[in-house]
Amino acid sequence: MADDKPDVAWRIIGGLVGLATGWAARKLLTFVWVKATGKEPPVDTEAPEVSLAEAIGYAVLMGVGMSVAQIVVNRTARKRYDAWRALKQVTPGQ
C-alpha cells in the first residue's frame, strides 16, 4: 500500500520542476510572440483594442506551448528521477 503513494522527494522535485517550467515556457513564448508579431502579447484578451484573431492566436500559442513544455520536462524529470532511485537502490551501504 505504501508504494501507491507518491514519493515525497518526487512530489517536491515535481513541484519545483513545474514552477520552473511554467516560468521558462512563459518567457520563451512571450519572446516568440514579440518576434513573430512585433508587439507585446495582449494583457487583457477581452479588451476591445485586441482583435479576435490576436486574442485567439495568443491563447493557442500559450495553451499549446505551456502544455508541451510541461509534458516534455515532466517526463524527462521523471525518467531521470526513476533512474537515480534505481541506482541508489542498487548501491549497497548508502
Foldseek 3Di string as FASTA:
>chain_A
DVVVDDDPVCVVVLVVLLVVLLVVLVVVLQVVCCVVPVDGQDPDLPDPVHDPVSSVVSVVSSVVSSVVSSVVSNVVVVVVVVVVVVVVVVDPPD
